Amino acid sequence: MGKNDNDKLCIMIIPRTAKVRRLTIPTWLPKAIVIAIASIILIVALIINSIYSSYAELREMYTAKTTEIDELKKENEDKNTQINELKAQTDKLYEKSVEIDNKLAEIDKLQRQLEKMAGIQNSSRSEGIVKSLKLQPVNSLDGLQVLMDTLDYKEKELQNFIAEMEERLEYLETVPDLWPTTGRLTSKFGTRQDPFTRGTSYHEGIDIANSVGTNIVAAAKGKVTFAGYKSGYGRTIIINHGNGYTTLYGHLSKLLVSAGDRVEKGQVIGKMGSTGRSTGPHLHFEVHKDGKLLNPLNILK
């Protein structure tokens, strides 16, 4: 054998019937095959490890995304629930706005009727503002703001109206326009024939005749400034009503109030009689305004 024969491997194949065959391969080839197989196994292991690592990372990302998606779904469900609740509230506000609109119209109508009855010219009312704040059905935030502005304006207007009404009613309580008694009007205000002298005289009030003991009431609220006997008038009551008004009630048979008392409109203050210079049971009633005599028939209702 030569030198190169030592670097080779000889493989003999001996079949049963055929001729023996000999296969010669270099000695480095098995080593190369083993190294190649080991390298392939290593590469495959590295690839598998990389794939596993990528899979684990992707699995983790998938889990995180799934959790995020679930949270987004829940948040979306919560938003839908809130939207549905807002829609329900909007529907209720719409119905309420229509109801309030009708109520405000009724209140406005009643307010105008009360103003007309009380003789009030409401300076706080402004047609322009009412029109500009005309209530609309609530179907948006702007509509809700209009509703709130309208209610706020109407509340202030009603507060002003109530204050004016209270002031007006308080004033009306001091106006002596209530008939002080019942009976027959026997003598009017002004020039008349004197029942005693038969001459012409000036009658400073009106006379209302009825039976002795008939109730005499205050024609308006006020403070009693005199309750006693007055020459010519007999038992007399004088009431100061404020606002310049005073009233006098003469010829009474009985006094039921005293000087300094405060009386209400319609309160019984005495009984009809015929005391003083009188021809029979009746009430002599006078009205003064700022110290001047007024015809009671121009005030009494």
Protein backbone atom coordinates (compact mmCIF):
# COMPACT_ATOMS: atom_id res chain seq x y z
CA MET A 1 0.00 0.00 0.00
CA GLY A 2 1.01 3.53 -0.66
CA LYS A 3 0.98 6.45 1.76
CA ASN A 4 -2.46 7.66 0.58
CA ASP A 5 -3.98 4.30 1.40
CA ASN A 6 -3.57 5.06 5.15
CA ASP A 7 -5.94 8.08 4.81
CA LYS A 8 -8.70 5.94 3.44
CA LEU A 9 -11.16 3.47 4.84
CA CYS A 10 -11.92 0.29 3.00
CA ILE A 11 -15.42 -1.14 3.29
CA MET A 12 -15.95 -4.61 1.88
CA ILE A 13 -19.37 -5.79 0.83
CA ILE A 14 -19.72 -9.58 0.69
CA PRO A 15 -22.98 -10.73 -0.78
CA ARG A 16 -24.00 -14.47 -0.69
CA THR A 17 -23.76 -15.23 -4.31
CA ALA A 18 -22.11 -12.27 -5.93
CA LYS A 19 -18.57 -11.14 -6.10
CA VAL A 20 -17.06 -9.35 -3.12
CA ARG A 21 -17.05 -5.61 -3.54
CA ARG A 22 -14.78 -3.15 -1.85
CA LEU A 23 -15.69 0.49 -1.16
CA THR A 24 -12.98 2.86 -0.27
CA ILE A 25 -13.79 6.26 1.40
CA PRO A 26 -11.56 8.92 2.88
CA THR A 27 -11.10 8.75 6.66
CA TRP A 28 -12.26 12.37 7.16
CA LEU A 29 -15.69 11.74 5.59
CA PRO A 30 -17.36 10.07 8.63
CA LYS A 31 -16.06 12.86 10.81
CA ALA A 32 -17.41 15.39 8.37
CA ILE A 33 -20.76 13.62 8.28
CA VAL A 34 -20.92 13.53 12.10
CA ILE A 35 -19.97 17.21 12.29
CA ALA A 36 -22.53 18.04 9.61
CA ILE A 37 -25.25 16.09 11.40
CA ALA A 38 -24.32 17.74 14.72
CA SER A 39 -24.39 21.15 13.06
CA ILE A 40 -27.76 20.46 11.53
CA ILE A 41 -29.10 19.29 14.88
CA LEU A 42 -27.70 22.42 16.55
CA ILE A 43 -29.16 24.68 13.88
CA VAL A 44 -32.53 22.95 14.12
CA ALA A 45 -32.42 23.26 17.92
CA LEU A 46 -31.59 26.94 17.64
CA ILE A 47 -34.41 27.44 15.13
CA ILE A 48 -36.85 25.54 17.34
CA ASN A 49 -35.75 27.56 20.36
CA SER A 50 -36.14 30.81 18.41
CA ILE A 51 -39.55 29.71 17.17
CA TYR A 52 -40.58 28.77 20.72
CA SER A 53 -39.36 32.08 22.08
CA SER A 54 -41.22 33.94 19.33
CA TYR A 55 -44.29 31.83 20.02
CA ALA A 56 -44.11 32.60 23.74
CA GLU A 57 -43.72 36.30 23.01
CA LEU A 58 -46.58 36.20 20.52
CA ARG A 59 -48.67 34.29 23.06
CA GLU A 60 -47.96 36.93 25.66
CA MET A 61 -48.79 39.70 23.20
CA TYR A 62 -51.97 37.85 22.22
CA THR A 63 -52.99 37.53 25.88
CA ALA A 64 -52.31 41.23 26.45
CA LYS A 65 -54.24 42.22 23.34
CA THR A 66 -57.09 39.93 24.30
CA THR A 67 -57.24 41.56 27.74
CA GLU A 68 -57.11 45.01 26.14
CA ILE A 69 -59.87 44.03 23.71
CA ASP A 70 -62.00 42.73 26.60
CA GLU A 71 -61.45 46.01 28.47
CA LEU A 72 -62.37 47.98 25.35
CA LYS A 73 -65.48 45.84 24.91
CA LYS A 74 -66.48 46.50 28.52
CA GLU A 75 -65.75 50.19 28.14
CA ASN A 76 -67.80 50.22 24.95
CA GLU A 77 -70.65 48.45 26.73
CA ASP A 78 -70.45 51.02 29.54
CA LYS A 79 -70.48 53.84 26.97
CA ASN A 80 -73.50 52.28 25.25
CA THR A 81 -75.23 52.00 28.62
CA GLN A 82 -74.47 55.67 29.34
CA ILE A 83 -75.68 56.66 25.87
CA ASN A 84 -78.91 54.73 26.40
CA GLU A 85 -79.35 56.37 29.80
CA LEU A 86 -78.70 59.80 28.27
CA LYS A 87 -81.21 59.03 25.53
CA ALA A 88 -83.75 58.03 28.15
CA GLN A 89 -83.00 61.22 30.11
CA THR A 90 -83.29 63.24 26.92
CA ASP A 91 -86.67 61.69 26.20
CA LYS A 92 -87.80 62.49 29.73
CA LEU A 93 -86.45 66.04 29.39
CA TYR A 94 -88.30 66.39 26.11
CA GLU A 95 -91.56 65.33 27.75
CA LYS A 96 -90.82 67.52 30.77
CA SER A 97 -89.99 70.50 28.58
CA VAL A 98 -93.35 70.21 26.82
CA GLU A 99 -95.08 69.91 30.19
CA ILE A 100 -93.17 72.90 31.58
CA ASP A 101 -93.93 74.87 28.43
CA ASN A 102 -97.65 74.28 28.95
CA LYS A 103 -97.38 75.13 32.64
CA LEU A 104 -95.49 78.33 31.90
CA ALA A 105 -98.17 79.30 29.39
CA GLU A 106 -100.85 78.69 32.03
CA ILE A 107 -98.88 80.64 34.64
CA ASP A 108 -98.34 83.49 32.20
CA LYS A 109 -102.06 83.59 31.39
CA LEU A 110 -102.99 83.52 35.08
CA GLN A 111 -100.39 86.17 35.80
CA ARG A 112 -101.90 88.48 33.19
CA GLN A 113 -105.39 87.90 34.59
CA LEU A 114 -104.20 88.71 38.12
CA GLU A 115 -102.41 91.80 36.86
CA LYS A 116 -105.58 92.93 35.13
CA MET A 117 -107.68 92.27 38.25
CA ALA A 118 -105.20 94.07 40.51
CA GLY A 119 -104.59 96.87 38.04
CA ILE A 120 -100.85 96.16 37.81
CA GLN A 121 -98.72 97.09 34.83
CA ASN A 122 -95.89 94.60 35.25
CA SER A 123 -92.72 96.47 34.39
CA SER A 124 -90.65 93.31 34.83
CA ARG A 125 -92.30 91.59 31.86
CA SER A 126 -90.51 91.92 28.55
CA GLU A 127 -92.11 90.49 25.43
CA GLY A 128 -88.81 90.57 23.58
CA ILE A 129 -87.04 88.50 26.19
CA VAL A 130 -89.92 86.06 26.43
CA LYS A 131 -89.84 85.54 22.68
CA SER A 132 -86.07 85.18 22.61
CA LEU A 133 -86.25 82.58 25.37
CA LYS A 134 -89.27 80.80 23.95
CA LEU A 135 -89.19 77.25 25.23
CA GLN A 136 -88.32 74.56 22.73
CA PRO A 137 -88.49 70.77 23.18
CA VAL A 138 -85.22 69.56 24.63
CA ASN A 139 -83.32 67.36 22.19
CA SER A 140 -79.79 68.72 22.65
CA LEU A 141 -77.55 70.44 25.16
CA ASP A 142 -78.39 73.77 23.52
CA GLY A 143 -82.08 73.03 23.97
CA LEU A 144 -81.46 72.14 27.60
CA GLN A 145 -79.61 75.43 28.11
CA VAL A 146 -82.53 77.33 26.55
CA LEU A 147 -84.85 75.51 28.95
CA MET A 148 -82.69 76.42 31.94
CA ASP A 149 -82.44 80.04 30.80
CA THR A 150 -86.20 80.22 30.34
CA LEU A 151 -86.93 78.72 33.74
CA ASP A 152 -84.41 81.03 35.38
CA TYR A 153 -85.93 84.06 33.66
CA LYS A 154 -89.47 82.95 34.50
CA GLU A 155 -88.50 82.38 38.13
CA LYS A 156 -87.12 85.91 38.41
CA GLU A 157 -90.18 87.33 36.63
CA LEU A 158 -92.52 85.45 38.97
CA GLN A 159 -90.55 86.65 42.00
CA ASN A 160 -90.91 90.24 40.79
CA PHE A 161 -94.57 89.64 40.04
CA ILE A 162 -95.21 88.16 43.48
CA ALA A 163 -93.44 91.10 45.10
CA GLU A 164 -95.53 93.54 43.06
CA MET A 165 -98.71 91.59 43.84
CA GLU A 166 -97.93 91.58 47.56
CA GLU A 167 -97.20 95.29 47.44
CA ARG A 168 -100.37 95.92 45.47
CA LEU A 169 -102.51 93.74 47.74
CA GLU A 170 -101.03 95.43 50.77
CA TYR A 171 -101.93 98.79 49.23
CA LEU A 172 -105.45 97.62 48.34
CA GLU A 173 -105.95 96.53 51.93
CA THR A 174 -105.40 100.16 52.94
CA VAL A 175 -107.84 101.60 50.36
CA PRO A 176 -111.22 102.21 52.08
CA ASP A 177 -113.37 100.72 49.31
CA LEU A 178 -115.30 98.19 51.42
CA TRP A 179 -118.84 99.18 52.37
CA PRO A 180 -118.72 99.78 56.14
CA THR A 181 -122.20 98.40 56.78
CA THR A 182 -125.40 97.17 55.15
CA GLY A 183 -128.56 99.16 54.80
CA ARG A 184 -130.23 101.91 52.82
CA LEU A 185 -128.36 104.94 51.49
CA THR A 186 -130.35 107.87 52.91
CA SER A 187 -128.04 110.79 52.29
CA LYS A 188 -125.27 111.34 49.75
CA PHE A 189 -122.08 113.38 49.81
CA GLY A 190 -122.23 117.10 49.04
CA THR A 191 -124.83 119.84 49.22
CA ARG A 192 -128.14 118.76 50.77
CA GLN A 193 -131.12 120.01 52.79
CA ASP A 194 -130.23 119.97 56.47
CA PRO A 195 -132.68 117.62 58.29
CA PHE A 196 -132.74 119.89 61.32
CA THR A 197 -132.71 123.43 59.96
CA ARG A 198 -134.26 122.61 56.56
CA GLY A 199 -131.68 124.92 55.06
CA THR A 200 -128.85 124.10 52.66
CA SER A 201 -125.79 122.45 54.17
CA TYR A 202 -122.74 120.52 53.02
CA HIS A 203 -122.78 116.85 53.91
CA GLU A 204 -119.22 115.62 54.37
CA GLY A 205 -119.96 111.92 53.97
CA ILE A 206 -122.79 109.49 53.28
CA ASP A 207 -125.50 108.11 55.58
CA ILE A 208 -126.48 104.44 55.58
CA ALA A 209 -129.57 103.59 57.62
CA ASN A 210 -130.40 100.28 59.27
CA SER A 211 -131.48 98.97 62.65
CA VAL A 212 -129.65 99.66 65.90
CA GLY A 213 -126.92 97.10 66.53
CA THR A 214 -126.10 96.46 62.85
CA ASN A 215 -122.40 95.63 62.46
CA ILE A 216 -120.05 98.38 61.40
CA VAL A 217 -116.80 97.16 59.78
CA ALA A 218 -113.52 98.83 58.89
CA ALA A 219 -113.51 99.89 55.25
CA ALA A 220 -109.76 99.14 55.12
CA LYS A 221 -106.96 98.01 57.42
CA GLY A 222 -105.29 100.61 59.55
CA LYS A 223 -104.77 102.04 63.01
CA VAL A 224 -107.54 103.48 65.19
CA THR A 225 -106.58 107.06 66.00
CA PHE A 226 -109.81 108.00 67.79
CA ALA A 227 -112.57 106.00 69.51
CA GLY A 228 -114.91 107.99 71.71
CA TYR A 229 -117.59 110.65 71.82
CA LYS A 230 -117.30 113.46 69.26
CA SER A 231 -119.55 116.51 69.19
CA GLY A 232 -122.27 116.17 66.56
CA TYR A 233 -121.15 112.66 65.60
CA GLY A 234 -121.89 110.91 68.89
CA ARG A 235 -119.85 107.77 69.46
CA THR A 236 -117.21 107.90 66.71
CA ILE A 237 -114.28 105.91 65.38
CA ILE A 238 -111.52 107.38 63.16
CA ILE A 239 -109.04 105.09 61.42
CA ASN A 240 -105.78 106.08 59.74
CA HIS A 241 -105.16 103.63 56.86
CA GLY A 242 -101.85 105.03 55.66
CA ASN A 243 -101.22 106.19 52.09
CA GLY A 244 -103.04 109.40 53.07
CA TYR A 245 -106.42 107.72 53.74
CA THR A 246 -108.51 108.18 56.91
CA THR A 247 -112.14 107.20 57.53
CA LEU A 248 -114.73 108.33 60.09
CA TYR A 249 -117.65 106.27 61.45
CA GLY A 250 -120.24 108.29 63.37
CA HIS A 251 -123.47 107.89 65.42
CA LEU A 252 -122.46 104.42 66.72
CA SER A 253 -124.28 102.81 69.61
CA LYS A 254 -121.28 100.76 70.70
CA LEU A 255 -117.51 100.94 70.17
CA LEU A 256 -115.63 97.62 69.85
CA VAL A 257 -112.12 99.07 69.38
CA SER A 258 -109.94 101.56 71.17
CA ALA A 259 -107.46 104.21 70.05
CA GLY A 260 -104.16 102.58 69.13
CA ASP A 261 -105.73 99.32 67.97
CA ARG A 262 -104.83 97.94 64.56
CA VAL A 263 -107.75 96.63 62.57
CA GLU A 264 -108.08 94.55 59.43
CA LYS A 265 -110.25 95.28 56.44
CA GLY A 266 -113.76 93.97 57.14
CA GLN A 267 -113.22 93.69 60.90
CA VAL A 268 -116.25 94.59 63.04
CA ILE A 269 -115.37 97.77 64.92
CA GLY A 270 -118.74 98.91 66.31
CA LYS A 271 -122.51 98.80 66.22
CA MET A 272 -124.90 101.12 64.40
CA GLY A 273 -126.81 103.61 66.56
CA SER A 274 -128.25 107.12 66.68
CA THR A 275 -125.95 108.95 69.07
CA GLY A 276 -125.04 112.59 68.57
CA ARG A 277 -126.92 114.85 66.18
CA SER A 278 -129.03 112.21 64.46
CA THR A 279 -132.59 111.72 63.26
CA GLY A 280 -132.50 107.93 63.55
CA PRO A 281 -130.23 104.86 63.56
CA HIS A 282 -127.71 105.15 60.77
CA LEU A 283 -123.99 105.30 60.04
CA HIS A 284 -122.35 108.53 58.99
CA PHE A 285 -119.29 107.56 56.93
CA GLU A 286 -116.54 109.90 55.74
CA VAL A 287 -113.40 109.35 53.63
CA HIS A 288 -110.41 111.70 53.70
CA LYS A 289 -107.36 111.62 51.41
CA ASP A 290 -104.36 113.76 52.32
CA GLY A 291 -106.62 115.86 54.53
CA LYS A 292 -109.23 116.47 51.82
CA LEU A 293 -112.77 115.13 51.83
CA LEU A 294 -113.65 112.58 49.14
CA ASN A 295 -117.01 111.33 47.96
CA PRO A 296 -117.14 107.81 49.45
CA LEU A 297 -119.34 106.64 46.59
CA ASN A 298 -116.40 107.22 44.22
CA ILE A 299 -114.32 104.72 46.20
CA LEU A 300 -116.72 102.11 47.58
CA LYS A 301 -117.16 99.02 45.45
